[in-house]
C-alpha atoms as a PDB file:
ATOM      1  CA  MET A   1       0.000   0.000   0.000  1.00  0.00           C
ATOM      2  CA  THR A   2       1.308   3.457  -0.796  1.00  0.00           C
ATOM      3  CA  ASN A   3       2.398   5.633   2.098  1.00  0.00           C
ATOM      4  CA  VAL A   4      -0.202   8.041   3.302  1.00  0.00           C
ATOM      5  CA  ARG A   5       1.061  11.606   3.561  1.00  0.00           C
ATOM      6  CA  THR A   6      -0.192  13.553   6.526  1.00  0.00           C
ATOM      7  CA  ARG A   7      -1.006  17.166   5.865  1.00  0.00           C
ATOM      8  CA  THR A   8      -1.047  19.515   8.843  1.00  0.00           C
ATOM      9  CA  ARG A   9      -3.144  22.597   8.864  1.00  0.00           C
ATOM     10  CA  ILE A  10      -2.341  25.582  11.100  1.00  0.00           C
ATOM     11  CA  ALA A  11      -5.393  27.445  12.183  1.00  0.00           C
ATOM     12  CA  SER A  12      -6.202  29.864  14.949  1.00  0.00           C
ATOM     13  CA  VAL A  13      -8.552  28.920  17.762  1.00  0.00           C
ATOM     14  CA  ALA A  14     -10.972  31.487  16.478  1.00  0.00           C
ATOM     15  CA  GLY A  15     -10.777  30.049  12.973  1.00  0.00           C
ATOM     16  CA  ALA A  16     -11.380  26.529  14.257  1.00  0.00           C
ATOM     17  CA  ALA A  17     -14.350  27.720  16.268  1.00  0.00           C
ATOM     18  CA  ALA A  18     -15.782  29.455  13.216  1.00  0.00           C
ATOM     19  CA  LEU A  19     -15.360  26.310  11.171  1.00  0.00           C
ATOM     20  CA  ALA A  20     -17.095  24.245  13.832  1.00  0.00           C
ATOM     21  CA  LEU A  21     -20.010  26.677  13.879  1.00  0.00           C
ATOM     22  CA  ALA A  22     -20.252  26.569  10.089  1.00  0.00           C
ATOM     23  CA  LEU A  23     -20.314  22.769  10.054  1.00  0.00           C
ATOM     24  CA  SER A  24     -22.904  22.728  12.798  1.00  0.00           C
ATOM     25  CA  ALA A  25     -25.129  25.062  10.831  1.00  0.00           C
ATOM     26  CA  CYS A  26     -24.813  22.860   7.740  1.00  0.00           C
ATOM     27  CA  GLY A  27     -25.579  19.669   9.625  1.00  0.00           C
ATOM     28  CA  GLY A  28     -21.987  18.409   9.610  1.00  0.00           C
ATOM     29  CA  VAL A  29     -19.840  16.764   6.987  1.00  0.00           C
ATOM     30  CA  LYS A  30     -21.701  14.015   5.133  1.00  0.00           C
ATOM     31  CA  THR A  31     -20.044  10.761   4.054  1.00  0.00           C
ATOM     32  CA  ALA A  32     -21.338   7.567   2.535  1.00  0.00           C
ATOM     33  CA  SER A  33     -23.379   5.204   4.686  1.00  0.00           C
ATOM     34  CA  GLY A  34     -21.108   3.210   6.941  1.00  0.00           C
ATOM     35  CA  GLY A  35     -18.762   6.099   7.782  1.00  0.00           C
ATOM     36  CA  GLY A  36     -15.089   6.424   6.930  1.00  0.00           C
ATOM     37  CA  GLY A  37     -13.296   8.658   4.504  1.00  0.00           C
ATOM     38  CA  ASP A  38     -11.725  12.045   5.047  1.00  0.00           C
ATOM     39  CA  ALA A  39     -13.421  15.207   6.224  1.00  0.00           C
ATOM     40  CA  SER A  40     -13.880  16.423   2.669  1.00  0.00           C
ATOM     41  CA  GLY A  41     -16.104  13.449   1.892  1.00  0.00           C
ATOM     42  CA  GLY A  42     -13.943  12.797  -1.157  1.00  0.00           C
ATOM     43  CA  SER A  43     -14.540  16.130  -2.880  1.00  0.00           C
ATOM     44  CA  ASP A  44     -10.795  16.602  -3.556  1.00  0.00           C
ATOM     45  CA  TYR A  45     -10.182  12.925  -4.378  1.00  0.00           C
ATOM     46  CA  PRO A  46      -7.745  11.767  -5.599  1.00  0.00           C
ATOM     47  CA  THR A  47      -4.691  13.670  -4.395  1.00  0.00           C
ATOM     48  CA  LYS A  48      -2.170  10.813  -4.658  1.00  0.00           C
ATOM     49  CA  SER A  49      -1.687   7.408  -6.246  1.00  0.00           C
ATOM     50  CA  ILE A  50      -4.318   4.684  -5.856  1.00  0.00           C
ATOM     51  CA  GLU A  51      -3.221   1.102  -5.267  1.00  0.00           C
ATOM     52  CA  MET A  52      -5.145  -1.630  -7.081  1.00  0.00           C
ATOM     53  CA  THR A  53      -4.488  -5.121  -5.733  1.00  0.00           C
ATOM     54  CA  VAL A  54      -5.224  -8.349  -7.577  1.00  0.00           C
ATOM     55  CA  GLY A  55      -5.496 -11.775  -5.969  1.00  0.00           C
ATOM     56  CA  ALA A  56      -3.725 -13.619  -8.793  1.00  0.00           C
ATOM     57  CA  SER A  57      -0.308 -13.999 -10.345  1.00  0.00           C
ATOM     58  CA  ALA A  58       0.832 -11.823 -13.225  1.00  0.00           C
ATOM     59  CA  GLY A  59      -0.389 -12.864 -16.665  1.00  0.00           C
ATOM     60  CA  GLY A  60      -3.750 -14.406 -15.778  1.00  0.00           C
ATOM     61  CA  SER A  61      -7.177 -13.017 -16.654  1.00  0.00           C
ATOM     62  CA  SER A  62      -7.662 -11.203 -13.344  1.00  0.00           C
ATOM     63  CA  ASP A  63      -4.227  -9.595 -13.615  1.00  0.00           C
ATOM     64  CA  LEU A  64      -4.691  -8.495 -17.226  1.00  0.00           C
ATOM     65  CA  ILE A  65      -8.133  -7.038 -16.527  1.00  0.00           C
ATOM     66  CA  SER A  66      -6.829  -5.165 -13.486  1.00  0.00           C
ATOM     67  CA  ARG A  67      -3.963  -3.686 -15.484  1.00  0.00           C
ATOM     68  CA  ALA A  68      -6.207  -2.603 -18.346  1.00  0.00           C
ATOM     69  CA  MET A  69      -8.609  -0.947 -15.914  1.00  0.00           C
ATOM     70  CA  SER A  70      -5.892   0.680 -13.802  1.00  0.00           C
ATOM     71  CA  LYS A  71      -4.309   2.196 -16.905  1.00  0.00           C
ATOM     72  CA  GLY A  72      -7.548   3.754 -18.113  1.00  0.00           C
ATOM     73  CA  MET A  73      -8.848   4.804 -14.709  1.00  0.00           C
ATOM     74  CA  GLY A  74      -5.501   6.259 -13.664  1.00  0.00           C
ATOM     75  CA  GLN A  75      -5.387   8.359 -16.813  1.00  0.00           C
ATOM     76  CA  SER A  76      -8.936   9.555 -16.239  1.00  0.00           C
ATOM     77  CA  LEU A  77      -8.299  10.463 -12.601  1.00  0.00           C
ATOM     78  CA  GLY A  78      -4.894  11.992 -13.305  1.00  0.00           C
ATOM     79  CA  VAL A  79      -2.945   9.858 -10.829  1.00  0.00           C
ATOM     80  CA  ALA A  80      -0.834   6.716 -10.896  1.00  0.00           C
ATOM     81  CA  MET A  81      -2.724   3.492 -10.204  1.00  0.00           C
ATOM     82  CA  PRO A  82      -0.130   0.735  -9.685  1.00  0.00           C
ATOM     83  CA  VAL A  83      -1.285  -2.907  -9.698  1.00  0.00           C
ATOM     84  CA  VAL A  84       0.054  -5.109  -6.909  1.00  0.00           C
ATOM     85  CA  ASN A  85      -0.218  -8.901  -7.249  1.00  0.00           C
ATOM     86  CA  LYS A  86      -1.051 -10.828  -4.078  1.00  0.00           C
ATOM     87  CA  PRO A  87      -1.979 -14.332  -5.242  1.00  0.00           C
ATOM     88  CA  GLY A  88      -3.397 -16.989  -2.955  1.00  0.00           C
ATOM     89  CA  ALA A  89      -6.603 -18.617  -1.703  1.00  0.00           C
ATOM     90  CA  ASN A  90      -8.621 -17.697  -4.830  1.00  0.00           C
ATOM     91  CA  GLY A  91      -8.313 -13.997  -4.000  1.00  0.00           C
ATOM     92  CA  ALA A  92      -9.152 -14.290  -0.294  1.00  0.00           C
ATOM     93  CA  LEU A  93      -5.812 -12.791   0.769  1.00  0.00           C
ATOM     94  CA  VAL A  94      -6.505  -9.603  -1.173  1.00  0.00           C
ATOM     95  CA  ALA A  95     -10.081  -9.505   0.120  1.00  0.00           C
ATOM     96  CA  LYS A  96      -8.985  -9.706   3.735  1.00  0.00           C
ATOM     97  CA  ALA A  97      -6.371  -6.986   3.228  1.00  0.00           C
ATOM     98  CA  LEU A  98      -8.853  -4.700   1.471  1.00  0.00           C
ATOM     99  CA  GLN A  99     -11.435  -5.281   4.184  1.00  0.00           C
ATOM    100  CA  SER A 100      -9.061  -3.832   6.797  1.00  0.00           C
ATOM    101  CA  ALA A 101      -7.790  -0.946   4.637  1.00  0.00           C
ATOM    102  CA  ALA A 102      -8.839   2.654   5.186  1.00  0.00           C
ATOM    103  CA  PRO A 103     -12.116   3.461   3.356  1.00  0.00           C
ATOM    104  CA  ASP A 104     -10.654   6.456   1.561  1.00  0.00           C
ATOM    105  CA  GLY A 105     -10.485   5.246  -2.043  1.00  0.00           C
ATOM    106  CA  TYR A 106      -6.718   4.771  -2.132  1.00  0.00           C
ATOM    107  CA  SER A 107      -6.953   0.989  -1.839  1.00  0.00           C
ATOM    108  CA  ILE A 108      -9.214  -0.721  -4.380  1.00  0.00           C
ATOM    109  CA  ALA A 109      -9.432  -4.141  -6.019  1.00  0.00           C
ATOM    110  CA  ILE A 110     -11.141  -5.858  -8.924  1.00  0.00           C
ATOM    111  CA  GLN A 111     -12.459  -9.036  -7.341  1.00  0.00           C
ATOM    112  CA  ASN A 112     -13.836 -12.314  -8.703  1.00  0.00           C
ATOM    113  CA  ALA A 113     -17.396 -13.546  -8.310  1.00  0.00           C
ATOM    114  CA  SER A 114     -16.231 -17.057  -7.415  1.00  0.00           C
ATOM    115  CA  LEU A 115     -14.745 -15.781  -4.164  1.00  0.00           C
ATOM    116  CA  PHE A 116     -18.187 -14.643  -3.017  1.00  0.00           C
ATOM    117  CA  ALA A 117     -20.527 -17.099  -4.740  1.00  0.00           C
ATOM    118  CA  ILE A 118     -18.561 -20.369  -4.751  1.00  0.00           C
ATOM    119  CA  THR A 119     -15.623 -20.344  -2.311  1.00  0.00           C
ATOM    120  CA  PRO A 120     -17.930 -19.967   0.755  1.00  0.00           C
ATOM    121  CA  LEU A 121     -19.276 -23.426  -0.152  1.00  0.00           C
ATOM    122  CA  ALA A 122     -15.804 -24.953   0.123  1.00  0.00           C
ATOM    123  CA  VAL A 123     -14.403 -23.302   3.257  1.00  0.00           C
ATOM    124  CA  SER A 124     -15.424 -22.751   6.866  1.00  0.00           C
ATOM    125  CA  GLU A 125     -17.743 -19.936   7.895  1.00  0.00           C
ATOM    126  CA  SER A 126     -14.832 -18.012   9.426  1.00  0.00           C
ATOM    127  CA  GLU A 127     -12.878 -18.204   6.155  1.00  0.00           C
ATOM    128  CA  ALA A 128     -15.751 -17.221   3.872  1.00  0.00           C
ATOM    129  CA  VAL A 129     -15.685 -13.763   2.261  1.00  0.00           C
ATOM    130  CA  LYS A 130     -19.048 -11.992   2.277  1.00  0.00           C
ATOM    131  CA  VAL A 131     -20.542  -9.516  -0.191  1.00  0.00           C
ATOM    132  CA  ASP A 132     -21.653  -7.125   2.533  1.00  0.00           C
ATOM    133  CA  ASP A 133     -18.090  -6.739   3.839  1.00  0.00           C
ATOM    134  CA  PHE A 134     -17.230  -4.438   0.895  1.00  0.00           C
ATOM    135  CA  ASP A 135     -18.585  -1.586  -1.166  1.00  0.00           C
ATOM    136  CA  ILE A 136     -19.112  -2.964  -4.654  1.00  0.00           C
ATOM    137  CA  VAL A 137     -18.542  -0.016  -6.958  1.00  0.00           C
ATOM    138  CA  TYR A 138     -19.215  -1.258 -10.498  1.00  0.00           C
ATOM    139  CA  GLY A 139     -19.194  -4.351 -12.690  1.00  0.00           C
ATOM    140  CA  VAL A 140     -16.417  -4.915 -15.227  1.00  0.00           C
ATOM    141  CA  SER A 141     -16.643  -8.070 -17.361  1.00  0.00           C
ATOM    142  CA  ARG A 142     -17.633 -11.731 -17.600  1.00  0.00           C
ATOM    143  CA  ASP A 143     -15.389 -14.651 -18.506  1.00  0.00           C
ATOM    144  CA  ASP A 144     -17.081 -17.937 -19.462  1.00  0.00           C
ATOM    145  CA  TYR A 145     -15.726 -21.420 -18.814  1.00  0.00           C
ATOM    146  CA  VAL A 146     -14.926 -24.203 -21.271  1.00  0.00           C
ATOM    147  CA  LEU A 147     -14.394 -27.914 -20.660  1.00  0.00           C
ATOM    148  CA  ALA A 148     -11.526 -29.124 -22.843  1.00  0.00           C
ATOM    149  CA  THR A 149      -9.513 -32.262 -23.443  1.00  0.00           C
ATOM    150  CA  ASN A 150      -6.221 -33.247 -25.011  1.00  0.00           C
ATOM    151  CA  PRO A 151      -6.610 -34.402 -28.648  1.00  0.00           C
ATOM    152  CA  LYS A 152      -5.080 -37.742 -27.650  1.00  0.00           C
ATOM    153  CA  THR A 153      -8.379 -38.779 -26.004  1.00  0.00           C
ATOM    154  CA  GLY A 154     -10.296 -38.558 -29.267  1.00  0.00           C
ATOM    155  CA  TRP A 155     -13.325 -37.082 -27.442  1.00  0.00           C
ATOM    156  CA  LYS A 156     -15.532 -34.432 -29.051  1.00  0.00           C
ATOM    157  CA  SER A 157     -18.365 -34.152 -26.506  1.00  0.00           C
ATOM    158  CA  ILE A 158     -19.455 -34.924 -22.954  1.00  0.00           C
ATOM    159  CA  ALA A 159     -21.144 -38.062 -24.319  1.00  0.00           C
ATOM    160  CA  ASP A 160     -17.813 -39.272 -25.728  1.00  0.00           C
ATOM    161  CA  MET A 161     -16.184 -38.758 -22.357  1.00  0.00           C
ATOM    162  CA  LYS A 162     -18.934 -40.753 -20.632  1.00  0.00           C
ATOM    163  CA  ALA A 163     -18.705 -43.532 -23.227  1.00  0.00           C
ATOM    164  CA  ALA A 164     -15.038 -44.013 -22.350  1.00  0.00           C
ATOM    165  CA  GLY A 165     -16.326 -45.923 -19.329  1.00  0.00           C
ATOM    166  CA  LYS A 166     -13.487 -44.979 -17.004  1.00  0.00           C
ATOM    167  CA  THR A 167     -12.860 -42.739 -14.027  1.00  0.00           C
ATOM    168  CA  ILE A 168     -12.003 -39.301 -15.422  1.00  0.00           C
ATOM    169  CA  ARG A 169      -9.100 -37.344 -13.993  1.00  0.00           C
ATOM    170  CA  TYR A 170     -10.021 -33.676 -14.277  1.00  0.00           C
ATOM    171  CA  GLY A 171      -8.016 -30.562 -13.567  1.00  0.00           C
ATOM    172  CA  THR A 172      -9.397 -27.440 -11.884  1.00  0.00           C
ATOM    173  CA  THR A 173      -7.965 -24.033 -11.067  1.00  0.00           C
ATOM    174  CA  GLY A 174      -8.393 -24.611  -7.334  1.00  0.00           C
ATOM    175  CA  VAL A 175     -10.846 -25.134  -4.502  1.00  0.00           C
ATOM    176  CA  GLY A 176     -13.960 -22.980  -4.523  1.00  0.00           C
ATOM    177  CA  THR A 177     -13.569 -21.851  -8.125  1.00  0.00           C
ATOM    178  CA  GLY A 178     -15.959 -21.815 -11.056  1.00  0.00           C
ATOM    179  CA  ALA A 179     -13.784 -24.421 -12.766  1.00  0.00           C
ATOM    180  CA  GLN A 180     -14.278 -26.809  -9.855  1.00  0.00           C
ATOM    181  CA  LEU A 181     -18.022 -26.179  -9.564  1.00  0.00           C
ATOM    182  CA  ASN A 182     -18.698 -26.581 -13.297  1.00  0.00           C
ATOM    183  CA  SER A 183     -16.706 -29.809 -13.383  1.00  0.00           C
ATOM    184  CA  ALA A 184     -18.301 -31.312 -10.298  1.00  0.00           C
ATOM    185  CA  LEU A 185     -21.833 -30.517 -11.472  1.00  0.00           C
ATOM    186  CA  THR A 186     -21.169 -31.870 -14.964  1.00  0.00           C
ATOM    187  CA  PHE A 187     -19.842 -35.203 -13.745  1.00  0.00           C
ATOM    188  CA  ALA A 188     -22.672 -35.514 -11.214  1.00  0.00           C
ATOM    189  CA  THR A 189     -25.457 -34.770 -13.707  1.00  0.00           C
ATOM    190  CA  ALA A 190     -23.880 -36.985 -16.373  1.00  0.00           C
ATOM    191  CA  GLY A 191     -23.269 -39.856 -13.970  1.00  0.00           C
ATOM    192  CA  ILE A 192     -19.546 -39.944 -14.750  1.00  0.00           C
ATOM    193  CA  LYS A 193     -17.062 -41.193 -12.167  1.00  0.00           C
ATOM    194  CA  ALA A 194     -14.313 -38.639 -11.789  1.00  0.00           C
ATOM    195  CA  THR A 195     -11.363 -37.641  -9.629  1.00  0.00           C
ATOM    196  CA  ALA A 196     -10.360 -34.012  -9.162  1.00  0.00           C
ATOM    197  CA  VAL A 197      -6.778 -32.849  -9.610  1.00  0.00           C
ATOM    198  CA  PRO A 198      -6.672 -29.279  -8.265  1.00  0.00           C
ATOM    199  CA  PHE A 199      -4.042 -26.759  -9.324  1.00  0.00           C
ATOM    200  CA  ASP A 200      -3.206 -23.334  -7.953  1.00  0.00           C
ATOM    201  CA  GLY A 201      -4.501 -21.235 -10.818  1.00  0.00           C
ATOM    202  CA  GLY A 202      -5.149 -21.402 -14.538  1.00  0.00           C
ATOM    203  CA  ALA A 203      -1.555 -21.667 -15.815  1.00  0.00           C
ATOM    204  CA  PRO A 204      -0.620 -24.984 -14.148  1.00  0.00           C
ATOM    205  CA  ASN A 205      -4.076 -26.371 -14.924  1.00  0.00           C
ATOM    206  CA  LEU A 206      -3.571 -25.609 -18.616  1.00  0.00           C
ATOM    207  CA  THR A 207      -0.040 -27.008 -18.606  1.00  0.00           C
ATOM    208  CA  ALA A 208      -1.241 -30.284 -17.115  1.00  0.00           C
ATOM    209  CA  LEU A 209      -3.895 -30.705 -19.802  1.00  0.00           C
ATOM    210  CA  LEU A 210      -1.477 -29.895 -22.632  1.00  0.00           C
ATOM    211  CA  GLY A 211       0.834 -32.547 -21.204  1.00  0.00           C
ATOM    212  CA  ALA A 212      -2.009 -35.098 -20.902  1.00  0.00           C
ATOM    213  CA  GLN A 213      -1.450 -35.349 -17.142  1.00  0.00           C
ATOM    214  CA  VAL A 214      -5.234 -35.095 -16.754  1.00  0.00           C
ATOM    215  CA  ASP A 215      -8.036 -36.227 -19.072  1.00  0.00           C
ATOM    216  CA  VAL A 216      -9.978 -32.958 -19.121  1.00  0.00           C
ATOM    217  CA  SER A 217      -9.832 -29.528 -17.523  1.00  0.00           C
ATOM    218  CA  THR A 218     -12.262 -26.695 -17.043  1.00  0.00           C
ATOM    219  CA  MET A 219     -10.826 -23.217 -17.444  1.00  0.00           C
ATOM    220  CA  GLN A 220     -11.811 -19.762 -18.576  1.00  0.00           C
ATOM    221  CA  VAL A 221     -12.243 -19.350 -22.316  1.00  0.00           C
ATOM    222  CA  GLY A 222      -9.490 -16.740 -22.468  1.00  0.00           C
ATOM    223  CA  GLU A 223      -7.019 -19.186 -20.950  1.00  0.00           C
ATOM    224  CA  ALA A 224      -7.772 -21.968 -23.431  1.00  0.00           C
ATOM    225  CA  ILE A 225      -8.771 -20.349 -26.698  1.00  0.00           C
ATOM    226  CA  GLU A 226      -5.340 -19.958 -28.321  1.00  0.00           C
ATOM    227  CA  ASN A 227      -4.555 -23.636 -27.778  1.00  0.00           C
ATOM    228  CA  ILE A 228      -8.021 -24.575 -29.034  1.00  0.00           C
ATOM    229  CA  ARG A 229      -7.473 -22.565 -32.214  1.00  0.00           C
ATOM    230  CA  ALA A 230      -4.038 -24.152 -32.611  1.00  0.00           C
ATOM    231  CA  GLY A 231      -5.527 -27.643 -32.334  1.00  0.00           C
ATOM    232  CA  LYS A 232      -3.659 -28.428 -29.125  1.00  0.00           C
ATOM    233  CA  LEU A 233      -6.910 -28.713 -27.134  1.00  0.00           C
ATOM    234  CA  VAL A 234     -10.390 -29.928 -28.054  1.00  0.00           C
ATOM    235  CA  PRO A 235     -13.368 -28.110 -26.480  1.00  0.00           C
ATOM    236  CA  LEU A 236     -16.158 -30.385 -25.251  1.00  0.00           C
ATOM    237  CA  ALA A 237     -18.612 -27.802 -23.880  1.00  0.00           C
ATOM    238  CA  VAL A 238     -19.001 -24.240 -22.662  1.00  0.00           C
ATOM    239  CA  PHE A 239     -20.826 -23.455 -19.429  1.00  0.00           C
ATOM    240  CA  SER A 240     -23.063 -20.560 -20.398  1.00  0.00           C
ATOM    241  CA  ALA A 241     -26.720 -19.978 -21.221  1.00  0.00           C
ATOM    242  CA  ASP A 242     -25.894 -19.473 -24.901  1.00  0.00           C
ATOM    243  CA  ARG A 243     -22.942 -20.324 -27.071  1.00  0.00           C
ATOM    244  CA  VAL A 244     -19.904 -18.135 -26.486  1.00  0.00           C
ATOM    245  CA  LYS A 245     -19.300 -15.809 -29.423  1.00  0.00           C
ATOM    246  CA  PHE A 246     -15.563 -16.475 -29.271  1.00  0.00           C
ATOM    247  CA  LEU A 247     -16.206 -20.238 -29.717  1.00  0.00           C
ATOM    248  CA  PRO A 248     -19.405 -20.283 -31.786  1.00  0.00           C
ATOM    249  CA  ASP A 249     -19.055 -23.926 -32.875  1.00  0.00           C
ATOM    250  CA  VAL A 250     -18.788 -25.286 -29.340  1.00  0.00           C
ATOM    251  CA  PRO A 251     -22.141 -26.390 -27.866  1.00  0.00           C
ATOM    252  CA  THR A 252     -23.156 -25.480 -24.340  1.00  0.00           C
ATOM    253  CA  ALA A 253     -23.402 -28.161 -21.673  1.00  0.00           C
ATOM    254  CA  LYS A 254     -27.144 -27.474 -21.625  1.00  0.00           C
ATOM    255  CA  GLU A 255     -27.425 -28.245 -25.342  1.00  0.00           C
ATOM    256  CA  GLN A 256     -25.867 -31.616 -24.558  1.00  0.00           C
ATOM    257  CA  GLY A 257     -28.438 -32.342 -21.862  1.00  0.00           C
ATOM    258  CA  PHE A 258     -26.573 -31.093 -18.798  1.00  0.00           C
ATOM    259  CA  ASP A 259     -27.889 -27.824 -17.352  1.00  0.00           C
ATOM    260  CA  VAL A 260     -24.640 -26.478 -15.892  1.00  0.00           C
ATOM    261  CA  GLN A 261     -24.106 -22.714 -16.144  1.00  0.00           C
ATOM    262  CA  VAL A 262     -21.467 -21.055 -14.007  1.00  0.00           C
ATOM    263  CA  SER A 263     -19.438 -18.084 -15.218  1.00  0.00           C
ATOM    264  CA  GLN A 264     -16.720 -15.902 -13.740  1.00  0.00           C
ATOM    265  CA  TYR A 265     -17.268 -12.157 -13.535  1.00  0.00           C
ATOM    266  CA  ARG A 266     -15.348  -9.315 -11.998  1.00  0.00           C
ATOM    267  CA  PHE A 267     -16.117  -5.982 -10.386  1.00  0.00           C
ATOM    268  CA  ILE A 268     -14.493  -3.007  -8.672  1.00  0.00           C
ATOM    269  CA  THR A 269     -14.544  -3.016  -4.858  1.00  0.00           C
ATOM    270  CA  THR A 270     -13.460  -0.698  -2.064  1.00  0.00           C
ATOM    271  CA  PRO A 271     -13.427  -1.029   1.738  1.00  0.00           C
ATOM    272  CA  LYS A 272     -16.825  -0.749   3.391  1.00  0.00           C
ATOM    273  CA  GLY A 273     -17.783   2.838   4.163  1.00  0.00           C
ATOM    274  CA  THR A 274     -15.926   4.534   1.306  1.00  0.00           C
ATOM    275  CA  PRO A 275     -17.470   8.004   0.740  1.00  0.00           C
ATOM    276  CA  GLN A 276     -20.045   8.117  -2.044  1.00  0.00           C
ATOM    277  CA  ALA A 277     -18.226  11.024  -3.700  1.00  0.00           C
ATOM    278  CA  VAL A 278     -15.120   8.839  -4.008  1.00  0.00           C
ATOM    279  CA  LYS A 279     -17.077   5.909  -5.433  1.00  0.00           C
ATOM    280  CA  ASP A 280     -18.799   8.219  -7.902  1.00  0.00           C
ATOM    281  CA  LYS A 281     -15.413   9.352  -9.215  1.00  0.00           C
ATOM    282  CA  LEU A 282     -14.247   5.757  -9.549  1.00  0.00           C
ATOM    283  CA  VAL A 283     -17.413   4.902 -11.488  1.00  0.00           C
ATOM    284  CA  GLU A 284     -16.905   7.889 -13.780  1.00  0.00           C
ATOM    285  CA  ALA A 285     -13.307   6.823 -14.432  1.00  0.00           C
ATOM    286  CA  ALA A 286     -14.384   3.243 -15.107  1.00  0.00           C
ATOM    287  CA  LYS A 287     -17.062   4.339 -17.581  1.00  0.00           C
ATOM    288  CA  LYS A 288     -14.567   6.520 -19.436  1.00  0.00           C
ATOM    289  CA  THR A 289     -12.226   3.524 -19.633  1.00  0.00           C
ATOM    290  CA  PHE A 290     -14.990   1.246 -20.930  1.00  0.00           C
ATOM    291  CA  ALA A 291     -15.736   3.759 -23.695  1.00  0.00           C
ATOM    292  CA  THR A 292     -12.198   3.836 -25.110  1.00  0.00           C
ATOM    293  CA  GLU A 293     -11.358   1.904 -28.268  1.00  0.00           C
ATOM    294  CA  GLU A 294      -8.250   0.573 -26.542  1.00  0.00           C
ATOM    295  CA  TYR A 295     -10.269  -1.086 -23.790  1.00  0.00           C
ATOM    296  CA  LYS A 296     -12.913  -2.425 -26.168  1.00  0.00           C
ATOM    297  CA  LYS A 297     -10.119  -4.009 -28.218  1.00  0.00           C
ATOM    298  CA  PHE A 298      -8.672  -5.470 -25.004  1.00  0.00           C
ATOM    299  CA  ASN A 299     -11.985  -7.185 -24.242  1.00  0.00           C
ATOM    300  CA  GLU A 300     -12.143  -8.663 -27.738  1.00  0.00           C
ATOM    301  CA  GLN A 301      -8.548  -9.865 -27.649  1.00  0.00           C
ATOM    302  CA  ASN A 302      -9.076 -11.530 -24.279  1.00  0.00           C
ATOM    303  CA  ASN A 303     -12.507 -13.002 -25.074  1.00  0.00           C
ATOM    304  CA  LEU A 304     -14.275 -10.996 -22.366  1.00  0.00           C
ATOM    305  CA  THR A 305     -17.942 -10.033 -22.331  1.00  0.00           C
ATOM    306  CA  PRO A 306     -18.718  -6.607 -20.792  1.00  0.00           C
ATOM    307  CA  LEU A 307     -20.653  -6.678 -17.520  1.00  0.00           C
ATOM    308  CA  GLU A 308     -20.706  -2.928 -16.978  1.00  0.00           C
ATOM    309  CA  ILE A 309     -23.506  -2.635 -14.423  1.00  0.00           C
ATOM    310  CA  PRO A 310     -24.001  -0.726 -11.132  1.00  0.00           C
ATOM    311  CA  GLY A 311     -22.510  -2.190  -7.983  1.00  0.00           C
ATOM    312  CA  SER A 312     -25.953  -2.746  -6.476  1.00  0.00           C
ATOM    313  CA  GLU A 313     -26.852  -5.042  -9.376  1.00  0.00           C
ATOM    314  CA  VAL A 314     -23.586  -6.935  -8.983  1.00  0.00           C
ATOM    315  CA  ALA A 315     -24.286  -7.453  -5.262  1.00  0.00           C
ATOM    316  CA  THR A 316     -27.776  -8.778  -6.025  1.00  0.00           C
ATOM    317  CA  LYS A 317     -26.357 -11.158  -8.646  1.00  0.00           C
ATOM    318  CA  LEU A 318     -23.677 -12.447  -6.272  1.00  0.00           C
ATOM    319  CA  LYS A 319     -26.202 -13.260  -3.573  1.00  0.00           C
ATOM    320  CA  ALA A 320     -28.517 -14.977  -6.070  1.00  0.00           C
ATOM    321  CA  ASP A 321     -25.617 -17.021  -7.475  1.00  0.00           C
ATOM    322  CA  LEU A 322     -24.539 -18.131  -3.996  1.00  0.00           C
ATOM    323  CA  GLU A 323     -28.082 -19.255  -3.241  1.00  0.00           C
ATOM    324  CA  SER A 324     -28.360 -21.093  -6.560  1.00  0.00           C
ATOM    325  CA  ASN A 325     -24.976 -22.791  -6.193  1.00  0.00           C
ATOM    326  CA  THR A 326     -25.827 -23.877  -2.669  1.00  0.00           C
ATOM    327  CA  ALA A 327     -29.052 -25.475  -3.889  1.00  0.00           C
ATOM    328  CA  LYS A 328     -27.306 -27.306  -6.757  1.00  0.00           C
ATOM    329  CA  LEU A 329     -24.657 -28.804  -4.516  1.00  0.00           C
ATOM    330  CA  LYS A 330     -27.301 -29.929  -2.061  1.00  0.00           C
ATOM    331  CA  GLU A 331     -29.384 -31.481  -4.848  1.00  0.00           C
ATOM    332  CA  PHE A 332     -26.512 -33.654  -6.055  1.00  0.00           C
ATOM    333  CA  GLY A 333     -24.887 -34.229  -2.682  1.00  0.00           C
ATOM    334  CA  ILE A 334     -21.636 -32.570  -3.746  1.00  0.00           C
ATOM    335  CA  SER A 335     -19.087 -31.195  -1.300  1.00  0.00           C
ATOM    336  CA  LEU A 336     -16.554 -28.874  -2.914  1.00  0.00           C
ATOM    337  CA  ALA A 337     -14.271 -29.278   0.085  1.00  0.00           C
ATOM    338  CA  SER A 338     -14.057 -33.043  -0.435  1.00  0.00           C
ATOM    339  CA  ASN A 339     -14.165 -32.666  -4.222  1.00  0.00           C
ATOM    340  CA  SER A 340     -10.943 -30.713  -4.352  1.00  0.00           C
END
């Protein structure tokens, strides 16, 4: 986190008294619900650099999205916005750090939906990260998942995989992730015996599949698409309501008779109680970034679908997804903790 500079202000006792009287007459300084922030309520924000943390290693989808957003938002706000990578626990380390940071707008993060809507189903109550522990500022983008295999298997669909008549070894990007949930639900609904092989992130998961160390892997489309186009991977299904425009020839799991739809999406967050004026400026900067040709091209190049919606809508979606995921796991008797 960047060092906070303390500014001292010399004022006479009479001046301070006059200021107090003026504030009293105006009803005091107003900040966003939940308190926090500086006395200005964010009206002079920002006056220094803003740190954006990302709970993933450099080079992955979350990192690339954070860097694209920090570049555009920093330019719009007129300050530096360095990205700091703090990988681990599917983003929980960054979430915990952000939760305890000052609610002044100088510590922000683009967080993943899986941390709020899936990970709580795989960890203890004390470890779970909750939506209401943060101010969700604005949505950013959605990244769909694809189930892929190595060409050596000869499979072209989920039915082919089932017909193999063996226990499937499948890779995931970790415990409490969309990759794990999509995989577990697919094998349960299809009646396929399978064993999970968890990895710490998308890169090692992809490497294992390319090396045929696992039979199939579920990963985000952006992580797999270049190898799919190069013929090094074969897509079996995408986990979305409709076919993904970046892979138009790949059928959804639902088309194949398995109603499994879990996607990853990301959004801007700040510590709880960040002044509304600060959040408004962050939203304005985000919208200006979204509107640039450079950012639109970035989305296309990285196979991302815009999810540029208000934070309140993101929060509602997260809670609905958590409820839905909980019900699905209960229906099929799946434990993500034991499925890891």
